[in-house]
């Protein structure tokens, strides 16, 4: 990459810009009453096996720096979004911070658990406008260069990586990248 230039793949597609929606107040509160840091789980826990598939093993750092936790059955909350009912029980929670402030979170179901093995279970669930933010933004801002990836687990591979929550990128996410980094 050349200093001051941004290299984006030719096939990159912009996500449809969503009109400004009111902030869902549930997205500003972490969705559990009890949770465990990843480093507190048993070594053969299904959540840790999910991370191991991507060669991610620094569980204490993921909890300390990113706030990622496992919600046990007894700590879950039922979330209602229109006609969708979801529980945070037996899910991973990936909090999303922007400039030190919680702006949302993503639930991730985990194969090998009751809810993760349901045929029609949602794999991911969120209540915030993810197109307005980049996952791991606050941590990555400490670096001069940034790496852009699709999913939150991939962003954990590099301290200077951010995730867009999918293969596309919104115009707002692109603006955040251009404003905060010279090398992308």
N, C-alpha and C. Protein backbone atom coordinates (compact mmCIF):
# COMPACT_ATOMS: atom_id res chain seq x y z
N UNK A 1 0.84 -1.19 0.00
CA UNK A 1 0.00 0.00 0.00
C UNK A 1 0.87 1.24 0.00
N UNK A 2 0.41 2.26 -0.65
CA UNK A 2 1.13 3.52 -0.66
C UNK A 2 0.58 4.40 0.44
N UNK A 3 1.48 5.11 1.11
CA UNK A 3 1.10 6.03 2.18
C UNK A 3 -0.01 6.96 1.68
N UNK A 4 -1.07 7.06 2.44
CA UNK A 4 -2.14 7.98 2.11
C UNK A 4 -3.16 7.43 1.14
N UNK A 5 -2.97 6.21 0.65
CA UNK A 5 -3.93 5.63 -0.28
C UNK A 5 -4.62 4.45 0.37
N UNK A 6 -5.80 4.20 -0.08
CA UNK A 6 -6.56 3.07 0.43
C UNK A 6 -6.72 2.06 -0.69
N UNK A 7 -6.39 0.84 -0.42
CA UNK A 7 -6.54 -0.21 -1.41
C UNK A 7 -7.76 -1.04 -1.05
N UNK A 8 -8.77 -0.99 -1.90
CA UNK A 8 -9.98 -1.77 -1.68
C UNK A 8 -10.16 -2.73 -2.85
N UNK A 9 -10.61 -3.94 -2.59
CA UNK A 9 -10.81 -4.89 -3.69
C UNK A 9 -11.81 -4.34 -4.71
N UNK A 10 -11.57 -4.65 -5.97
CA UNK A 10 -12.46 -4.17 -7.04
C UNK A 10 -13.88 -4.70 -6.87
N UNK A 11 -14.02 -5.90 -6.37
CA UNK A 11 -15.34 -6.51 -6.25
C UNK A 11 -16.07 -6.07 -4.99
N UNK A 12 -15.48 -5.19 -4.19
CA UNK A 12 -16.12 -4.75 -2.95
C UNK A 12 -17.45 -4.09 -3.26
N UNK A 13 -18.44 -4.47 -2.52
CA UNK A 13 -19.77 -3.93 -2.72
C UNK A 13 -20.17 -3.13 -1.50
N UNK A 14 -20.83 -2.03 -1.76
CA UNK A 14 -21.32 -1.23 -0.65
C UNK A 14 -22.66 -1.78 -0.21
N UNK A 15 -22.81 -1.88 1.11
CA UNK A 15 -24.09 -2.25 1.68
C UNK A 15 -25.06 -1.11 1.39
N UNK A 16 -26.33 -1.45 1.31
CA UNK A 16 -27.35 -0.41 1.19
C UNK A 16 -27.28 0.45 2.43
N UNK A 17 -27.23 1.76 2.26
CA UNK A 17 -27.26 2.65 3.41
C UNK A 17 -28.65 2.60 4.01
N UNK A 18 -28.69 2.22 5.27
CA UNK A 18 -29.97 2.19 5.96
C UNK A 18 -30.33 3.60 6.39
N UNK A 19 -31.59 3.92 6.26
CA UNK A 19 -31.99 5.23 6.77
C UNK A 19 -31.80 5.22 8.27
N UNK A 20 -31.59 6.39 8.81
CA UNK A 20 -31.35 6.49 10.24
C UNK A 20 -32.53 5.93 11.02
N UNK A 21 -32.26 4.94 11.79
CA UNK A 21 -33.29 4.33 12.63
C UNK A 21 -33.06 4.81 14.06
N UNK A 22 -34.13 4.87 14.82
CA UNK A 22 -33.91 5.19 16.24
C UNK A 22 -33.10 4.07 16.89
N UNK A 23 -32.31 4.43 17.86
CA UNK A 23 -31.49 3.45 18.56
C UNK A 23 -32.41 2.57 19.42
N UNK A 24 -32.26 1.27 19.29
CA UNK A 24 -33.02 0.34 20.11
C UNK A 24 -32.38 0.35 21.51
N UNK A 25 -33.12 0.74 22.55
CA UNK A 25 -32.51 0.82 23.88
C UNK A 25 -31.95 -0.51 24.38
N UNK A 26 -32.47 -1.63 23.88
CA UNK A 26 -31.95 -2.94 24.29
C UNK A 26 -30.53 -3.16 23.77
N UNK A 27 -30.16 -2.46 22.70
CA UNK A 27 -28.82 -2.64 22.15
C UNK A 27 -27.75 -1.93 22.99
N UNK A 28 -28.17 -1.09 23.92
CA UNK A 28 -27.24 -0.32 24.74
C UNK A 28 -27.00 -0.94 26.11
N UNK A 29 -27.59 -2.12 26.32
CA UNK A 29 -27.43 -2.85 27.58
C UNK A 29 -27.02 -4.28 27.23
N UNK A 30 -25.98 -4.76 27.87
CA UNK A 30 -25.54 -6.13 27.59
C UNK A 30 -26.64 -7.11 27.99
N UNK A 31 -26.93 -8.10 27.14
CA UNK A 31 -28.12 -8.94 27.29
C UNK A 31 -27.96 -10.18 28.17
N UNK A 32 -27.57 -9.96 29.40
CA UNK A 32 -27.44 -11.10 30.30
C UNK A 32 -27.43 -10.62 31.74
N UNK A 33 -27.75 -11.56 32.64
CA UNK A 33 -27.66 -11.26 34.08
C UNK A 33 -26.44 -11.96 34.69
N UNK A 34 -25.89 -12.91 33.97
CA UNK A 34 -24.70 -13.64 34.42
C UNK A 34 -23.91 -14.06 33.18
N UNK A 35 -22.60 -13.95 33.24
CA UNK A 35 -21.76 -14.35 32.11
C UNK A 35 -20.39 -14.76 32.63
N UNK A 36 -19.69 -15.51 31.81
CA UNK A 36 -18.34 -15.97 32.15
C UNK A 36 -17.37 -15.50 31.08
N UNK A 37 -16.20 -15.06 31.52
CA UNK A 37 -15.13 -14.77 30.58
C UNK A 37 -14.72 -16.05 29.89
N UNK A 38 -14.23 -15.95 28.69
CA UNK A 38 -13.86 -17.15 27.94
C UNK A 38 -12.79 -17.95 28.66
N UNK A 39 -11.88 -17.28 29.34
CA UNK A 39 -10.80 -17.96 30.06
C UNK A 39 -11.31 -18.72 31.29
N UNK A 40 -12.56 -18.49 31.69
CA UNK A 40 -13.15 -19.19 32.84
C UNK A 40 -13.85 -20.48 32.44
N UNK A 41 -13.98 -20.75 31.16
CA UNK A 41 -14.68 -21.93 30.68
C UNK A 41 -13.77 -23.15 30.68
N UNK A 42 -14.38 -24.32 30.76
CA UNK A 42 -13.63 -25.57 30.69
C UNK A 42 -12.94 -25.68 29.33
N UNK A 43 -11.76 -26.28 29.26
CA UNK A 43 -11.01 -26.34 27.99
C UNK A 43 -11.77 -26.99 26.83
N UNK A 44 -12.70 -27.91 27.12
CA UNK A 44 -13.44 -28.57 26.04
C UNK A 44 -14.81 -27.93 25.79
N UNK A 45 -15.03 -26.72 26.30
CA UNK A 45 -16.31 -26.04 26.13
C UNK A 45 -16.58 -25.78 24.64
N UNK A 46 -17.82 -25.96 24.19
CA UNK A 46 -18.15 -25.74 22.77
C UNK A 46 -17.79 -24.33 22.28
N UNK A 47 -17.90 -23.30 23.12
CA UNK A 47 -17.54 -21.94 22.70
C UNK A 47 -16.05 -21.84 22.39
N UNK A 48 -15.22 -22.50 23.20
CA UNK A 48 -13.78 -22.46 22.96
C UNK A 48 -13.41 -23.25 21.71
N UNK A 49 -14.15 -24.32 21.46
CA UNK A 49 -13.91 -25.09 20.23
C UNK A 49 -14.24 -24.24 18.99
N UNK A 50 -15.27 -23.39 19.10
CA UNK A 50 -15.62 -22.49 17.99
C UNK A 50 -14.48 -21.52 17.70
N UNK A 51 -13.86 -20.99 18.74
CA UNK A 51 -12.71 -20.10 18.56
C UNK A 51 -11.51 -20.87 18.00
N UNK A 52 -11.31 -22.09 18.48
CA UNK A 52 -10.16 -22.89 18.05
C UNK A 52 -10.22 -23.20 16.56
N UNK A 53 -11.42 -23.26 15.99
CA UNK A 53 -11.54 -23.50 14.54
C UNK A 53 -10.82 -22.41 13.75
N UNK A 54 -10.72 -21.21 14.32
CA UNK A 54 -10.02 -20.11 13.67
C UNK A 54 -8.64 -19.86 14.29
N UNK A 55 -8.16 -20.85 15.04
CA UNK A 55 -6.84 -20.76 15.68
C UNK A 55 -6.76 -19.57 16.64
N UNK A 56 -7.81 -19.34 17.39
CA UNK A 56 -7.88 -18.27 18.37
C UNK A 56 -7.84 -18.90 19.76
N UNK A 57 -6.80 -18.58 20.53
CA UNK A 57 -6.60 -19.23 21.82
C UNK A 57 -6.34 -18.27 22.97
N UNK A 58 -6.26 -17.00 22.73
CA UNK A 58 -5.93 -16.04 23.79
C UNK A 58 -7.22 -15.58 24.48
N UNK A 59 -7.88 -16.51 25.13
CA UNK A 59 -9.22 -16.29 25.67
C UNK A 59 -9.29 -15.17 26.70
N UNK A 60 -8.28 -15.08 27.54
CA UNK A 60 -8.29 -14.01 28.54
C UNK A 60 -8.24 -12.63 27.87
N UNK A 61 -7.43 -12.49 26.83
CA UNK A 61 -7.34 -11.21 26.11
C UNK A 61 -8.66 -10.86 25.43
N UNK A 62 -9.33 -11.85 24.85
CA UNK A 62 -10.60 -11.58 24.15
C UNK A 62 -11.65 -11.07 25.12
N UNK A 63 -11.62 -11.58 26.35
CA UNK A 63 -12.57 -11.09 27.35
C UNK A 63 -12.12 -9.73 27.88
N UNK A 64 -10.84 -9.59 28.18
CA UNK A 64 -10.34 -8.33 28.75
C UNK A 64 -10.43 -7.17 27.76
N UNK A 65 -9.97 -7.36 26.54
CA UNK A 65 -9.92 -6.25 25.58
C UNK A 65 -11.20 -6.06 24.79
N UNK A 66 -11.95 -7.13 24.56
CA UNK A 66 -13.14 -7.03 23.72
C UNK A 66 -14.44 -7.27 24.48
N UNK A 67 -14.34 -7.72 25.73
CA UNK A 67 -15.54 -7.94 26.53
C UNK A 67 -16.34 -9.16 26.13
N UNK A 68 -15.75 -10.07 25.37
CA UNK A 68 -16.48 -11.25 24.89
C UNK A 68 -16.72 -12.21 26.06
N UNK A 69 -17.97 -12.64 26.20
CA UNK A 69 -18.34 -13.54 27.29
C UNK A 69 -19.27 -14.63 26.78
N UNK A 70 -19.37 -15.67 27.61
CA UNK A 70 -20.31 -16.78 27.40
C UNK A 70 -21.43 -16.60 28.41
N UNK A 71 -22.67 -16.67 27.94
CA UNK A 71 -23.82 -16.55 28.82
C UNK A 71 -24.36 -17.95 29.11
N UNK A 72 -24.34 -18.37 30.36
CA UNK A 72 -24.89 -19.69 30.68
C UNK A 72 -26.42 -19.66 30.62
N UNK A 73 -27.00 -20.83 30.67
CA UNK A 73 -28.46 -20.95 30.59
C UNK A 73 -29.14 -20.09 31.65
N UNK A 74 -28.57 -20.07 32.87
CA UNK A 74 -29.18 -19.34 33.98
C UNK A 74 -28.99 -17.82 33.88
N UNK A 75 -28.14 -17.35 32.97
CA UNK A 75 -27.88 -15.92 32.88
C UNK A 75 -28.50 -15.24 31.68
N UNK A 76 -29.22 -16.00 30.88
CA UNK A 76 -29.76 -15.46 29.64
C UNK A 76 -31.00 -14.60 29.84
N UNK A 77 -31.25 -13.77 28.85
CA UNK A 77 -32.45 -12.94 28.81
C UNK A 77 -33.16 -13.19 27.49
N UNK A 78 -34.49 -13.09 27.51
CA UNK A 78 -35.27 -13.22 26.29
C UNK A 78 -35.34 -11.85 25.64
N UNK A 79 -35.04 -11.82 24.36
CA UNK A 79 -35.05 -10.59 23.58
C UNK A 79 -36.13 -10.69 22.52
N UNK A 80 -36.89 -9.64 22.36
CA UNK A 80 -37.96 -9.62 21.37
C UNK A 80 -37.68 -8.51 20.37
N UNK A 81 -37.62 -8.89 19.11
CA UNK A 81 -37.42 -7.92 18.04
C UNK A 81 -38.51 -8.19 16.99
N UNK A 82 -39.58 -7.43 17.08
CA UNK A 82 -40.73 -7.69 16.20
C UNK A 82 -41.34 -9.02 16.56
N UNK A 83 -41.38 -9.94 15.61
CA UNK A 83 -41.95 -11.27 15.87
C UNK A 83 -40.88 -12.30 16.20
N UNK A 84 -39.63 -11.86 16.35
CA UNK A 84 -38.53 -12.78 16.65
C UNK A 84 -38.26 -12.78 18.15
N UNK A 85 -38.25 -13.98 18.73
CA UNK A 85 -37.91 -14.16 20.14
C UNK A 85 -36.59 -14.90 20.17
N UNK A 86 -35.63 -14.33 20.87
CA UNK A 86 -34.30 -14.93 20.98
C UNK A 86 -33.88 -14.87 22.43
N UNK A 87 -33.16 -15.87 22.87
CA UNK A 87 -32.59 -15.83 24.21
C UNK A 87 -31.08 -15.67 24.08
N UNK A 88 -30.50 -14.97 25.03
CA UNK A 88 -29.04 -14.85 25.05
C UNK A 88 -28.41 -16.03 25.79
N UNK A 89 -29.24 -16.87 26.40
CA UNK A 89 -28.71 -18.05 27.11
C UNK A 89 -27.94 -18.94 26.14
N UNK A 90 -26.82 -19.45 26.61
CA UNK A 90 -25.96 -20.35 25.85
C UNK A 90 -25.52 -19.73 24.52
N UNK A 91 -25.19 -18.45 24.58
CA UNK A 91 -24.67 -17.72 23.43
C UNK A 91 -23.40 -16.98 23.83
N UNK A 92 -22.59 -16.67 22.84
CA UNK A 92 -21.48 -15.75 23.03
C UNK A 92 -22.02 -14.34 22.82
N UNK A 93 -21.49 -13.40 23.58
CA UNK A 93 -21.85 -11.99 23.40
C UNK A 93 -20.58 -11.24 23.02
N UNK A 94 -20.66 -10.54 21.89
CA UNK A 94 -19.57 -9.70 21.40
C UNK A 94 -20.02 -8.25 21.53
N UNK A 95 -19.62 -7.56 22.61
CA UNK A 95 -19.98 -6.15 22.74
C UNK A 95 -19.30 -5.31 21.66
N UNK A 96 -19.96 -4.23 21.26
CA UNK A 96 -19.42 -3.33 20.25
C UNK A 96 -19.27 -1.95 20.89
N UNK A 97 -18.02 -1.50 20.93
CA UNK A 97 -17.71 -0.19 21.52
C UNK A 97 -17.25 0.76 20.43
N UNK A 98 -17.65 2.00 20.57
CA UNK A 98 -17.20 3.05 19.65
C UNK A 98 -16.87 4.27 20.49
N UNK A 99 -15.60 4.66 20.45
CA UNK A 99 -15.10 5.78 21.24
C UNK A 99 -15.45 5.62 22.72
N UNK A 100 -15.22 4.40 23.22
CA UNK A 100 -15.39 4.10 24.63
C UNK A 100 -16.82 3.85 25.08
N UNK A 101 -17.76 3.92 24.19
CA UNK A 101 -19.16 3.79 24.54
C UNK A 101 -19.76 2.53 23.92
N UNK A 102 -20.53 1.78 24.72
CA UNK A 102 -21.22 0.60 24.20
C UNK A 102 -22.30 1.08 23.23
N UNK A 103 -22.21 0.63 21.97
CA UNK A 103 -23.20 1.03 20.96
C UNK A 103 -24.05 -0.15 20.50
N UNK A 104 -23.71 -1.34 20.94
CA UNK A 104 -24.47 -2.53 20.54
C UNK A 104 -23.73 -3.79 20.92
N UNK A 105 -24.27 -4.89 20.48
CA UNK A 105 -23.65 -6.19 20.72
C UNK A 105 -24.18 -7.17 19.69
N UNK A 106 -23.43 -8.25 19.53
CA UNK A 106 -23.86 -9.32 18.65
C UNK A 106 -23.88 -10.62 19.44
N UNK A 107 -24.97 -11.37 19.33
CA UNK A 107 -25.03 -12.71 19.90
C UNK A 107 -24.57 -13.69 18.83
N UNK A 108 -23.89 -14.73 19.27
CA UNK A 108 -23.45 -15.79 18.36
C UNK A 108 -23.83 -17.12 18.97
N UNK A 109 -24.66 -17.90 18.25
CA UNK A 109 -24.99 -19.24 18.74
C UNK A 109 -23.76 -20.12 18.56
N UNK A 110 -23.71 -21.19 19.31
CA UNK A 110 -22.52 -22.04 19.33
C UNK A 110 -22.93 -23.49 19.06
N UNK A 111 -22.41 -24.10 18.00
CA UNK A 111 -22.68 -25.51 17.75
C UNK A 111 -22.25 -26.35 18.96
N UNK A 112 -23.02 -27.37 19.25
CA UNK A 112 -22.71 -28.23 20.39
C UNK A 112 -23.44 -27.82 21.66
N UNK A 113 -24.30 -26.79 21.55
CA UNK A 113 -25.13 -26.36 22.67
C UNK A 113 -26.60 -26.53 22.27
N UNK A 114 -27.48 -26.49 23.24
CA UNK A 114 -28.91 -26.68 22.96
C UNK A 114 -29.40 -25.71 21.90
N UNK A 115 -29.17 -24.41 22.10
CA UNK A 115 -29.67 -23.42 21.15
C UNK A 115 -28.87 -23.40 19.85
N UNK A 116 -27.62 -23.71 19.94
CA UNK A 116 -26.79 -23.73 18.74
C UNK A 116 -27.07 -24.89 17.82
N UNK A 117 -27.67 -25.94 18.34
CA UNK A 117 -27.98 -27.12 17.53
C UNK A 117 -29.42 -27.15 17.04
N UNK A 118 -30.21 -26.13 17.36
CA UNK A 118 -31.59 -26.07 16.87
C UNK A 118 -31.57 -25.84 15.37
N UNK A 119 -32.42 -26.55 14.66
CA UNK A 119 -32.43 -26.47 13.19
C UNK A 119 -32.69 -25.05 12.68
N UNK A 120 -33.59 -24.33 13.31
CA UNK A 120 -33.94 -22.99 12.83
C UNK A 120 -33.37 -21.87 13.70
N UNK A 121 -32.36 -22.18 14.47
CA UNK A 121 -31.76 -21.17 15.35
C UNK A 121 -31.01 -20.14 14.52
N UNK A 122 -31.09 -18.89 14.95
CA UNK A 122 -30.31 -17.84 14.33
C UNK A 122 -28.86 -18.00 14.74
N UNK A 123 -27.95 -17.88 13.80
CA UNK A 123 -26.53 -17.98 14.14
C UNK A 123 -26.05 -16.68 14.78
N UNK A 124 -26.49 -15.53 14.20
CA UNK A 124 -26.09 -14.22 14.71
C UNK A 124 -27.35 -13.41 15.00
N UNK A 125 -27.26 -12.54 16.00
CA UNK A 125 -28.40 -11.68 16.32
C UNK A 125 -27.87 -10.37 16.88
N UNK A 126 -28.42 -9.28 16.41
CA UNK A 126 -28.05 -7.96 16.90
C UNK A 126 -29.26 -7.03 16.81
N UNK A 127 -29.24 -5.95 17.57
CA UNK A 127 -30.33 -4.98 17.58
C UNK A 127 -29.85 -3.56 17.25
N UNK A 128 -28.62 -3.41 16.79
CA UNK A 128 -28.09 -2.08 16.50
C UNK A 128 -27.79 -1.99 15.00
N UNK A 129 -27.62 -0.78 14.50
CA UNK A 129 -27.31 -0.58 13.09
C UNK A 129 -25.82 -0.84 12.88
N UNK A 130 -25.49 -2.06 12.54
CA UNK A 130 -24.08 -2.45 12.43
C UNK A 130 -23.36 -1.71 11.31
N UNK A 131 -24.06 -1.16 10.33
CA UNK A 131 -23.44 -0.41 9.26
C UNK A 131 -22.84 0.92 9.70
N UNK A 132 -23.16 1.35 10.92
CA UNK A 132 -22.60 2.60 11.44
C UNK A 132 -21.31 2.41 12.20
N UNK A 133 -20.90 1.17 12.41
CA UNK A 133 -19.76 0.90 13.28
C UNK A 133 -18.85 -0.17 12.70
N UNK A 134 -17.65 -0.24 13.24
CA UNK A 134 -16.69 -1.28 12.93
C UNK A 134 -16.38 -2.02 14.22
N UNK A 135 -16.40 -3.34 14.17
CA UNK A 135 -16.06 -4.11 15.36
C UNK A 135 -14.57 -3.98 15.65
N UNK A 136 -14.22 -3.79 16.89
CA UNK A 136 -12.85 -3.65 17.39
C UNK A 136 -12.25 -2.27 17.05
N UNK A 137 -13.09 -1.31 16.76
CA UNK A 137 -12.67 0.03 16.37
C UNK A 137 -11.76 0.67 17.41
N UNK A 138 -12.18 0.67 18.67
CA UNK A 138 -11.40 1.35 19.71
C UNK A 138 -10.00 0.75 19.87
N UNK A 139 -9.89 -0.57 19.82
CA UNK A 139 -8.58 -1.21 19.95
C UNK A 139 -7.71 -0.92 18.73
N UNK A 140 -8.29 -0.97 17.56
CA UNK A 140 -7.53 -0.78 16.32
C UNK A 140 -7.05 0.67 16.15
N UNK A 141 -7.74 1.62 16.75
CA UNK A 141 -7.36 3.03 16.61
C UNK A 141 -5.97 3.32 17.19
N UNK A 142 -5.45 2.43 17.99
CA UNK A 142 -4.12 2.63 18.57
C UNK A 142 -3.01 2.40 17.56
N UNK A 143 -3.35 1.94 16.37
CA UNK A 143 -2.36 1.59 15.36
C UNK A 143 -2.48 2.51 14.15
N UNK A 144 -1.36 2.65 13.43
CA UNK A 144 -1.33 3.51 12.25
C UNK A 144 -2.01 2.87 11.05
N UNK A 145 -1.98 1.54 10.99
CA UNK A 145 -2.58 0.79 9.89
C UNK A 145 -3.74 -0.03 10.44
N UNK A 146 -4.68 -0.33 9.55
CA UNK A 146 -5.81 -1.15 9.95
C UNK A 146 -6.03 -2.25 8.91
N UNK A 147 -6.48 -3.39 9.39
CA UNK A 147 -6.84 -4.52 8.52
C UNK A 147 -8.35 -4.65 8.60
N UNK A 148 -9.01 -4.76 7.46
CA UNK A 148 -10.47 -4.87 7.42
C UNK A 148 -10.83 -6.31 7.08
N UNK A 149 -11.68 -6.92 7.92
CA UNK A 149 -12.13 -8.29 7.73
C UNK A 149 -13.65 -8.34 7.83
N UNK A 150 -14.22 -9.50 7.53
CA UNK A 150 -15.68 -9.65 7.54
C UNK A 150 -16.26 -9.88 8.93
N UNK A 151 -15.73 -10.85 9.64
CA UNK A 151 -16.42 -11.27 10.87
C UNK A 151 -15.62 -10.94 12.13
N UNK A 152 -16.33 -10.88 13.24
CA UNK A 152 -15.72 -10.45 14.49
C UNK A 152 -14.61 -11.41 14.94
N UNK A 153 -14.79 -12.70 14.75
CA UNK A 153 -13.72 -13.62 15.15
C UNK A 153 -12.44 -13.38 14.35
N UNK A 154 -12.57 -13.09 13.08
CA UNK A 154 -11.38 -12.81 12.27
C UNK A 154 -10.68 -11.53 12.73
N UNK A 155 -11.44 -10.57 13.23
CA UNK A 155 -10.84 -9.32 13.72
C UNK A 155 -9.98 -9.57 14.95
N UNK A 156 -10.22 -10.66 15.66
CA UNK A 156 -9.43 -10.97 16.85
C UNK A 156 -8.03 -11.48 16.51
N UNK A 157 -7.81 -11.85 15.26
CA UNK A 157 -6.51 -12.39 14.86
C UNK A 157 -5.42 -11.32 14.89
N UNK A 158 -5.80 -10.07 14.70
CA UNK A 158 -4.83 -8.98 14.64
C UNK A 158 -5.32 -7.85 15.55
N UNK A 159 -4.44 -7.26 16.35
CA UNK A 159 -4.89 -6.19 17.24
C UNK A 159 -5.34 -4.94 16.48
N UNK A 160 -4.88 -4.79 15.23
CA UNK A 160 -5.24 -3.61 14.44
C UNK A 160 -6.28 -3.93 13.37
N UNK A 161 -7.11 -4.94 13.61
CA UNK A 161 -8.14 -5.33 12.64
C UNK A 161 -9.52 -4.86 13.09
N UNK A 162 -10.35 -4.53 12.11
CA UNK A 162 -11.75 -4.21 12.36
C UNK A 162 -12.61 -5.09 11.47
N UNK A 163 -13.84 -5.34 11.89
CA UNK A 163 -14.75 -6.17 11.11
C UNK A 163 -15.97 -5.36 10.69
N UNK A 164 -16.48 -5.69 9.50
CA UNK A 164 -17.65 -5.01 8.95
C UNK A 164 -18.94 -5.81 9.13
N UNK A 165 -18.88 -6.98 9.70
CA UNK A 165 -20.03 -7.87 9.89
C UNK A 165 -20.58 -8.39 8.58
N UNK A 166 -19.73 -8.64 7.62
CA UNK A 166 -20.18 -9.19 6.35
C UNK A 166 -19.23 -8.84 5.23
N UNK A 167 -19.53 -9.34 4.04
CA UNK A 167 -18.62 -9.14 2.90
C UNK A 167 -18.72 -7.75 2.30
N UNK A 168 -19.77 -7.01 2.61
CA UNK A 168 -19.91 -5.65 2.11
C UNK A 168 -19.43 -4.65 3.14
N UNK A 169 -19.46 -3.40 2.73
CA UNK A 169 -19.07 -2.33 3.62
C UNK A 169 -20.03 -1.16 3.38
N UNK A 170 -20.42 -0.52 4.45
CA UNK A 170 -21.32 0.62 4.30
C UNK A 170 -20.50 1.88 4.04
N UNK A 171 -21.15 2.89 3.53
CA UNK A 171 -20.46 4.16 3.31
C UNK A 171 -19.99 4.76 4.63
N UNK A 172 -20.78 4.60 5.68
CA UNK A 172 -20.39 5.10 7.01
C UNK A 172 -19.14 4.38 7.51
N UNK A 173 -19.06 3.06 7.32
CA UNK A 173 -17.87 2.31 7.72
C UNK A 173 -16.65 2.77 6.93
N UNK A 174 -16.84 3.01 5.65
CA UNK A 174 -15.73 3.50 4.82
C UNK A 174 -15.28 4.87 5.31
N UNK A 175 -16.22 5.73 5.67
CA UNK A 175 -15.86 7.04 6.21
C UNK A 175 -15.05 6.90 7.49
N UNK A 176 -15.44 5.98 8.37
CA UNK A 176 -14.69 5.76 9.61
C UNK A 176 -13.26 5.31 9.30
N UNK A 177 -13.12 4.43 8.33
CA UNK A 177 -11.79 3.95 7.95
C UNK A 177 -10.94 5.09 7.41
N UNK A 178 -11.48 5.86 6.49
CA UNK A 178 -10.71 6.93 5.86
C UNK A 178 -10.36 8.04 6.85
N UNK A 179 -11.23 8.30 7.78
CA UNK A 179 -10.99 9.36 8.77
C UNK A 179 -9.92 8.97 9.79
N UNK A 180 -9.83 7.69 10.12
CA UNK A 180 -8.98 7.26 11.24
C UNK A 180 -7.66 6.60 10.85
N UNK A 181 -7.51 6.18 9.59
CA UNK A 181 -6.28 5.50 9.19
C UNK A 181 -5.84 5.97 7.82
N UNK A 182 -4.53 6.11 7.68
CA UNK A 182 -3.95 6.45 6.37
C UNK A 182 -3.73 5.20 5.55
N UNK A 183 -3.47 4.08 6.22
CA UNK A 183 -3.22 2.83 5.51
C UNK A 183 -4.25 1.80 5.92
N UNK A 184 -4.96 1.32 4.92
CA UNK A 184 -6.03 0.34 5.17
C UNK A 184 -5.72 -0.91 4.39
